[in-house]
């Protein structure tokens, strides 16, 4: 098998849990090839709004902030099998929603942009498949961080952008990027 078709809705833990390591590597290669081309559309759209997306570390906050301003949520019903207290607590904190299809696609591009920016600018970081013992099993991740941490790029980008969308501020994006950089082995060749 040399290609696995990966749609936006397939980027779920259930999908990745079922992959063999060889299949996960194929999916990673597909993700990097496809999103490496597709991200150009996001970069061009951001540029039209005056946001420079040049894959520099300094571009991450403005780019992910731009992504946040383009996300749209749709209401969603909670899973019926959850206990009531979990449903109520989740409802109080964030509510039940999902992103619309264009937002899901944008978040996939944002995940690629986030990961690729770290890989290009931080010596020792590489693209890989997620550790099979972690929640990001077989997913496209960036590895090489202190303590063996791995960046689940789509999930991290989604969380950063969602928080910025909810707060109306890019401050949480900046804090999250700083936290990831604090775990980086070398920044811009400085070790």
Protein backbone atom coordinates (compact mmCIF):
# COMPACT_ATOMS: atom_id res chain seq x y z
CA UNK A 1 0.00 0.00 0.00
CA UNK A 2 1.56 3.30 -1.03
CA UNK A 3 -1.33 5.69 -0.42
CA UNK A 4 -4.09 6.01 2.15
CA UNK A 5 -6.81 8.55 1.34
CA UNK A 6 -7.14 10.79 4.37
CA UNK A 7 -10.13 13.08 4.57
CA UNK A 8 -10.65 15.73 7.22
CA UNK A 9 -13.23 13.63 9.05
CA UNK A 10 -10.80 10.72 9.29
CA UNK A 11 -8.38 12.65 11.50
CA UNK A 12 -9.74 10.91 14.59
CA UNK A 13 -8.07 8.86 17.29
CA UNK A 14 -10.20 5.88 16.24
CA UNK A 15 -8.84 6.01 12.69
CA UNK A 16 -5.22 6.24 13.81
CA UNK A 17 -5.59 3.57 16.50
CA UNK A 18 -6.38 1.00 13.82
CA UNK A 19 -3.32 1.69 11.68
CA UNK A 20 -0.22 -0.45 11.62
CA UNK A 21 3.09 1.38 11.93
CA UNK A 22 3.69 1.02 8.19
CA UNK A 23 0.24 2.44 7.42
CA UNK A 24 0.85 5.31 9.87
CA UNK A 25 4.08 6.16 8.05
CA UNK A 26 2.19 6.21 4.75
CA UNK A 27 -0.43 8.52 6.25
CA UNK A 28 2.31 10.80 7.60
CA UNK A 29 3.96 10.97 4.18
CA UNK A 30 0.58 11.72 2.56
CA UNK A 31 -0.17 14.37 5.19
CA UNK A 32 3.16 16.11 4.59
CA UNK A 33 2.83 15.96 0.79
CA UNK A 34 -0.82 16.99 0.56
CA UNK A 35 -0.82 19.62 3.30
CA UNK A 36 2.55 20.95 2.14
CA UNK A 37 0.81 21.92 -1.09
CA UNK A 38 -2.60 22.79 0.36
CA UNK A 39 -1.19 25.13 3.01
CA UNK A 40 -0.20 27.52 0.21
CA UNK A 41 -3.87 28.44 -0.17
CA UNK A 42 -4.08 29.32 3.54
CA UNK A 43 -0.84 31.32 3.32
CA UNK A 44 -2.24 33.29 0.36
CA UNK A 45 -5.57 33.94 2.11
CA UNK A 46 -3.77 35.15 5.24
CA UNK A 47 -1.57 37.43 3.11
CA UNK A 48 -4.70 39.07 1.64
CA UNK A 49 -5.60 40.01 5.22
CA UNK A 50 -2.11 41.38 5.86
CA UNK A 51 -0.83 38.36 7.82
CA UNK A 52 2.64 37.17 6.85
CA UNK A 53 2.82 33.38 6.93
CA UNK A 54 6.50 32.76 6.19
CA UNK A 55 7.06 29.71 8.44
CA UNK A 56 9.08 31.76 10.93
CA UNK A 57 8.52 31.26 14.65
CA UNK A 58 7.39 34.89 14.84
CA UNK A 59 4.61 34.18 12.35
CA UNK A 60 2.89 31.55 14.51
CA UNK A 61 0.88 33.89 16.75
CA UNK A 62 -0.48 36.06 13.91
CA UNK A 63 -1.19 33.07 11.66
CA UNK A 64 -2.98 31.02 14.32
CA UNK A 65 -4.83 34.16 15.43
CA UNK A 66 -5.94 34.63 11.83
CA UNK A 67 -7.10 31.01 11.77
CA UNK A 68 -9.09 31.61 14.97
CA UNK A 69 -10.95 34.51 13.38
CA UNK A 70 -12.06 32.24 10.52
CA UNK A 71 -13.44 29.33 12.56
CA UNK A 72 -17.15 28.59 12.77
CA UNK A 73 -18.80 26.33 15.31
CA UNK A 74 -21.94 24.26 14.89
CA UNK A 75 -24.04 23.10 17.85
CA UNK A 76 -23.73 19.44 18.72
CA UNK A 77 -25.59 17.11 21.06
CA UNK A 78 -23.57 15.46 23.82
CA UNK A 79 -23.02 11.71 23.59
CA UNK A 80 -25.97 9.94 25.18
CA UNK A 81 -23.85 7.40 27.02
CA UNK A 82 -22.06 10.03 29.13
CA UNK A 83 -23.08 10.44 32.77
CA UNK A 84 -25.16 13.55 33.42
CA UNK A 85 -22.57 15.22 35.65
CA UNK A 86 -19.95 15.03 32.87
CA UNK A 87 -22.41 16.49 30.36
CA UNK A 88 -23.31 19.32 32.74
CA UNK A 89 -19.69 20.14 33.60
CA UNK A 90 -18.66 20.14 29.94
CA UNK A 91 -21.66 22.31 29.06
CA UNK A 92 -20.69 24.87 31.72
CA UNK A 93 -17.07 25.02 30.58
CA UNK A 94 -17.14 24.94 26.78
CA UNK A 95 -20.50 23.74 25.51
CA UNK A 96 -21.12 21.06 22.91
CA UNK A 97 -20.05 21.96 19.39
CA UNK A 98 -18.11 20.87 16.37
CA UNK A 99 -16.43 22.93 13.70
CA UNK A 100 -17.99 23.26 10.26
CA UNK A 101 -16.22 21.57 7.32
CA UNK A 102 -14.27 24.64 6.11
CA UNK A 103 -13.04 25.15 9.69
CA UNK A 104 -11.93 21.52 9.97
CA UNK A 105 -9.95 21.89 6.75
CA UNK A 106 -8.44 25.17 7.94
CA UNK A 107 -7.41 23.53 11.23
CA UNK A 108 -5.72 20.71 9.33
CA UNK A 109 -3.71 23.32 7.38
CA UNK A 110 -2.97 25.20 10.61
CA UNK A 111 -1.69 21.98 12.18
CA UNK A 112 0.66 21.43 9.27
CA UNK A 113 1.81 25.06 9.42
CA UNK A 114 2.46 24.83 13.17
CA UNK A 115 4.45 21.60 12.89
CA UNK A 116 6.39 22.60 9.81
CA UNK A 117 7.32 25.94 11.39
CA UNK A 118 8.75 24.18 14.44
CA UNK A 119 10.61 21.62 12.31
CA UNK A 120 12.14 24.29 10.06
CA UNK A 121 13.25 26.54 12.92
CA UNK A 122 14.14 24.28 15.82
CA UNK A 123 17.14 21.99 15.41
CA UNK A 124 16.43 18.47 16.60
CA UNK A 125 12.68 18.46 15.91
CA UNK A 126 11.30 16.14 13.24
CA UNK A 127 8.03 14.91 11.82
CA UNK A 128 7.08 11.43 12.96
CA UNK A 129 4.16 9.18 13.79
CA UNK A 130 2.72 9.40 17.28
CA UNK A 131 3.98 7.11 20.01
CA UNK A 132 1.72 4.03 20.14
CA UNK A 133 1.53 4.34 23.94
CA UNK A 134 0.13 7.91 23.85
CA UNK A 135 -3.20 9.41 22.85
CA UNK A 136 -1.66 10.55 19.56
CA UNK A 137 -0.93 6.99 18.49
CA UNK A 138 0.11 6.94 14.81
CA UNK A 139 -0.94 10.58 14.21
CA UNK A 140 1.32 13.09 12.45
CA UNK A 141 3.37 14.64 15.26
CA UNK A 142 6.53 16.64 15.80
CA UNK A 143 9.03 14.90 18.06
CA UNK A 144 12.33 15.79 19.69
CA UNK A 145 10.99 17.84 22.61
CA UNK A 146 12.38 17.49 26.12
CA UNK A 147 10.90 14.69 28.16
CA UNK A 148 9.81 12.81 25.06
CA UNK A 149 6.83 15.11 24.52
CA UNK A 150 5.31 15.03 21.06
CA UNK A 151 3.26 17.78 19.44
CA UNK A 152 0.00 16.44 18.02
CA UNK A 153 -0.04 19.24 15.48
CA UNK A 154 -3.70 19.28 14.50
CA UNK A 155 -4.94 19.00 18.08
CA UNK A 156 -2.50 21.61 19.37
CA UNK A 157 -3.36 24.05 16.57
CA UNK A 158 -7.07 23.45 17.15
CA UNK A 159 -6.78 24.08 20.88
CA UNK A 160 -4.73 27.26 20.40
CA UNK A 161 -7.08 28.66 17.76
CA UNK A 162 -10.22 27.68 19.68
CA UNK A 163 -9.01 29.44 22.84
CA UNK A 164 -8.16 32.55 20.84
CA UNK A 165 -11.58 32.42 19.19
CA UNK A 166 -13.33 32.15 22.56
CA UNK A 167 -11.28 34.85 24.31
CA UNK A 168 -10.90 37.22 21.39
CA UNK A 169 -7.18 37.39 22.21
CA UNK A 170 -4.05 35.78 20.80
CA UNK A 171 -2.48 35.69 24.28
CA UNK A 172 -3.17 32.00 24.82
CA UNK A 173 -1.58 31.18 21.48
CA UNK A 174 1.56 33.07 22.49
CA UNK A 175 1.69 31.31 25.87
CA UNK A 176 1.26 27.89 24.29
CA UNK A 177 3.98 28.51 21.71
CA UNK A 178 6.33 29.72 24.45
CA UNK A 179 5.59 26.55 26.43
CA UNK A 180 6.46 24.36 23.43
CA UNK A 181 9.60 26.38 22.73
CA UNK A 182 10.71 25.92 26.34
CA UNK A 183 10.81 22.17 25.64
CA UNK A 184 12.76 22.58 22.40
CA UNK A 185 16.34 21.27 22.22
CA UNK A 186 17.78 24.14 20.14
CA UNK A 187 16.21 27.31 18.75
CA UNK A 188 17.55 28.75 15.50
CA UNK A 189 20.76 26.75 15.95
CA UNK A 190 21.38 28.07 19.49
CA UNK A 191 21.77 25.12 21.86
